[in-house]
Amino acid sequence: MRSPFFSGVVYLVLGCIFTFFAIQQVTMNDWNFFVYLLLILATFDFGAGFRLIGLHFRIKKQKNKK
């Protein structure tokens, strides 16, 4: 089983990749449905990444308390 920290970093990397592709798409073409889809996916990935990294630190804090 992967740690929440590793999964969070993977989600953040995916969010950066989707954002990069969205920026490239806008510069080559114009705003279209595909760009909005990429940005929505990036938003979900960033949110999940930050949440999982926060979970990692909360679990670590609870273990150090005991």
N, C-alpha and C. Protein backbone atom coordinates (compact mmCIF):
# COMPACT_ATOMS: atom_id res chain seq x y z
N MET A 1 0.85 -1.19 0.00
CA MET A 1 0.00 0.00 0.00
C MET A 1 0.88 1.24 0.00
N ARG A 2 0.54 2.18 -0.85
CA ARG A 2 1.32 3.42 -0.94
C ARG A 2 0.95 4.36 0.19
N SER A 3 1.91 5.18 0.59
CA SER A 3 1.64 6.15 1.64
C SER A 3 0.83 7.32 1.06
N PRO A 4 0.10 8.01 1.90
CA PRO A 4 -0.67 9.16 1.41
C PRO A 4 0.24 10.25 0.83
N PHE A 5 1.45 10.37 1.36
CA PHE A 5 2.38 11.39 0.86
C PHE A 5 2.76 11.11 -0.59
N PHE A 6 3.10 9.85 -0.89
CA PHE A 6 3.48 9.49 -2.26
C PHE A 6 2.31 9.69 -3.21
N SER A 7 1.13 9.25 -2.80
CA SER A 7 -0.05 9.43 -3.65
C SER A 7 -0.35 10.91 -3.87
N GLY A 8 -0.18 11.71 -2.83
CA GLY A 8 -0.40 13.15 -2.95
C GLY A 8 0.56 13.79 -3.93
N VAL A 9 1.82 13.37 -3.88
CA VAL A 9 2.81 13.92 -4.82
C VAL A 9 2.47 13.50 -6.25
N VAL A 10 2.03 12.27 -6.44
CA VAL A 10 1.63 11.81 -7.78
C VAL A 10 0.46 12.66 -8.30
N TYR A 11 -0.52 12.93 -7.46
CA TYR A 11 -1.65 13.76 -7.87
C TYR A 11 -1.21 15.18 -8.21
N LEU A 12 -0.28 15.73 -7.44
CA LEU A 12 0.21 17.08 -7.74
C LEU A 12 0.95 17.11 -9.07
N VAL A 13 1.73 16.08 -9.35
CA VAL A 13 2.43 16.02 -10.63
C VAL A 13 1.43 15.91 -11.78
N LEU A 14 0.41 15.09 -11.61
CA LEU A 14 -0.63 14.99 -12.65
C LEU A 14 -1.35 16.32 -12.85
N GLY A 15 -1.61 17.04 -11.77
CA GLY A 15 -2.24 18.35 -11.88
C GLY A 15 -1.37 19.32 -12.66
N CYS A 16 -0.06 19.27 -12.43
CA CYS A 16 0.86 20.13 -13.19
C CYS A 16 0.88 19.74 -14.66
N ILE A 17 0.87 18.46 -14.94
CA ILE A 17 0.88 18.00 -16.34
C ILE A 17 -0.40 18.44 -17.06
N PHE A 18 -1.55 18.26 -16.41
CA PHE A 18 -2.81 18.67 -17.04
C PHE A 18 -2.84 20.19 -17.25
N THR A 19 -2.31 20.95 -16.30
CA THR A 19 -2.26 22.40 -16.46
C THR A 19 -1.35 22.79 -17.62
N PHE A 20 -0.20 22.13 -17.72
CA PHE A 20 0.72 22.39 -18.82
C PHE A 20 0.06 22.12 -20.17
N PHE A 21 -0.62 20.98 -20.28
CA PHE A 21 -1.31 20.66 -21.54
C PHE A 21 -2.41 21.66 -21.85
N ALA A 22 -3.11 22.14 -20.83
CA ALA A 22 -4.17 23.12 -21.05
C ALA A 22 -3.58 24.44 -21.57
N ILE A 23 -2.45 24.85 -20.99
CA ILE A 23 -1.81 26.08 -21.44
C ILE A 23 -1.33 25.93 -22.89
N GLN A 24 -0.76 24.78 -23.21
CA GLN A 24 -0.32 24.55 -24.57
C GLN A 24 -1.49 24.57 -25.55
N GLN A 25 -2.58 23.99 -25.15
CA GLN A 25 -3.77 23.93 -26.00
C GLN A 25 -4.33 25.33 -26.26
N VAL A 26 -4.32 26.18 -25.23
CA VAL A 26 -4.85 27.53 -25.39
C VAL A 26 -3.94 28.35 -26.30
N THR A 27 -2.63 28.19 -26.17
CA THR A 27 -1.73 28.97 -27.02
C THR A 27 -1.79 28.53 -28.48
N MET A 28 -1.99 27.24 -28.72
CA MET A 28 -2.07 26.76 -30.11
C MET A 28 -3.43 27.05 -30.73
N ASN A 29 -4.48 26.82 -29.98
CA ASN A 29 -5.84 27.04 -30.47
C ASN A 29 -6.48 28.12 -29.63
N ASP A 30 -7.70 27.97 -29.32
CA ASP A 30 -8.41 28.91 -28.47
C ASP A 30 -9.04 28.11 -27.33
N TRP A 31 -9.78 28.79 -26.48
CA TRP A 31 -10.47 28.10 -25.40
C TRP A 31 -11.56 27.22 -26.01
N ASN A 32 -11.53 25.93 -25.65
CA ASN A 32 -12.57 25.02 -26.12
C ASN A 32 -12.89 24.03 -25.00
N PHE A 33 -13.73 23.09 -25.31
CA PHE A 33 -14.19 22.13 -24.31
C PHE A 33 -13.03 21.32 -23.73
N PHE A 34 -12.08 20.93 -24.57
CA PHE A 34 -10.96 20.11 -24.12
C PHE A 34 -10.10 20.84 -23.08
N VAL A 35 -9.93 22.15 -23.25
CA VAL A 35 -9.16 22.94 -22.29
C VAL A 35 -9.88 22.97 -20.95
N TYR A 36 -11.17 23.18 -20.99
CA TYR A 36 -11.94 23.19 -19.74
C TYR A 36 -11.89 21.83 -19.05
N LEU A 37 -11.94 20.77 -19.83
CA LEU A 37 -11.85 19.44 -19.25
C LEU A 37 -10.49 19.22 -18.59
N LEU A 38 -9.43 19.64 -19.24
CA LEU A 38 -8.09 19.52 -18.65
C LEU A 38 -7.97 20.31 -17.36
N LEU A 39 -8.54 21.51 -17.35
CA LEU A 39 -8.46 22.34 -16.15
C LEU A 39 -9.29 21.76 -15.00
N ILE A 40 -10.42 21.16 -15.32
CA ILE A 40 -11.22 20.51 -14.28
C ILE A 40 -10.46 19.32 -13.70
N LEU A 41 -9.84 18.52 -14.56
CA LEU A 41 -9.03 17.40 -14.07
C LEU A 41 -7.86 17.88 -13.22
N ALA A 42 -7.22 18.95 -13.64
CA ALA A 42 -6.10 19.50 -12.87
C ALA A 42 -6.58 19.98 -11.50
N THR A 43 -7.74 20.61 -11.45
CA THR A 43 -8.28 21.09 -10.18
C THR A 43 -8.55 19.94 -9.23
N PHE A 44 -9.17 18.87 -9.73
CA PHE A 44 -9.43 17.71 -8.89
C PHE A 44 -8.12 17.08 -8.41
N ASP A 45 -7.13 17.00 -9.28
CA ASP A 45 -5.86 16.40 -8.89
C ASP A 45 -5.14 17.25 -7.85
N PHE A 46 -5.13 18.57 -8.02
CA PHE A 46 -4.50 19.43 -7.02
C PHE A 46 -5.20 19.30 -5.67
N GLY A 47 -6.53 19.29 -5.70
CA GLY A 47 -7.28 19.15 -4.45
C GLY A 47 -7.00 17.84 -3.75
N ALA A 48 -7.01 16.75 -4.51
CA ALA A 48 -6.72 15.43 -3.91
C ALA A 48 -5.29 15.36 -3.42
N GLY A 49 -4.36 15.95 -4.16
CA GLY A 49 -2.96 15.92 -3.75
C GLY A 49 -2.74 16.65 -2.44
N PHE A 50 -3.27 17.85 -2.32
CA PHE A 50 -3.10 18.62 -1.09
C PHE A 50 -3.80 17.94 0.09
N ARG A 51 -4.96 17.36 -0.18
CA ARG A 51 -5.68 16.66 0.89
C ARG A 51 -4.91 15.45 1.39
N LEU A 52 -4.32 14.67 0.47
CA LEU A 52 -3.56 13.49 0.86
C LEU A 52 -2.28 13.85 1.59
N ILE A 53 -1.61 14.92 1.17
CA ILE A 53 -0.40 15.34 1.88
C ILE A 53 -0.76 15.83 3.27
N GLY A 54 -1.87 16.55 3.40
CA GLY A 54 -2.34 16.95 4.72
C GLY A 54 -2.69 15.76 5.59
N LEU A 55 -3.29 14.73 5.00
CA LEU A 55 -3.59 13.51 5.74
C LEU A 55 -2.32 12.84 6.24
N HIS A 56 -1.29 12.83 5.41
CA HIS A 56 -0.01 12.24 5.80
C HIS A 56 0.54 12.93 7.05
N PHE A 57 0.50 14.26 7.06
CA PHE A 57 1.04 14.98 8.21
C PHE A 57 0.16 14.84 9.45
N ARG A 58 -1.16 14.71 9.26
CA ARG A 58 -2.03 14.47 10.42
C ARG A 58 -1.76 13.10 11.02
N ILE A 59 -1.57 12.08 10.18
CA ILE A 59 -1.26 10.74 10.68
C ILE A 59 0.09 10.74 11.38
N LYS A 60 1.05 11.42 10.81
CA LYS A 60 2.39 11.50 11.41
C LYS A 60 2.32 12.19 12.76
N LYS A 61 1.52 13.24 12.85
CA LYS A 61 1.37 13.98 14.11
C LYS A 61 0.72 13.09 15.18
N GLN A 62 -0.30 12.29 14.78
CA GLN A 62 -0.96 11.39 15.73
C GLN A 62 -0.02 10.30 16.23
N LYS A 63 0.84 9.78 15.34
CA LYS A 63 1.79 8.75 15.75
C LYS A 63 2.83 9.30 16.71
N ASN A 64 3.24 10.54 16.50
CA ASN A 64 4.24 11.14 17.40
C ASN A 64 3.64 11.52 18.75
N LYS A 65 2.33 11.72 18.81
CA LYS A 65 1.65 12.05 20.06
C LYS A 65 1.64 10.86 21.02
N LYS A 66 1.53 9.65 20.47
CA LYS A 66 1.39 8.46 21.30
C LYS A 66 2.67 8.04 21.94
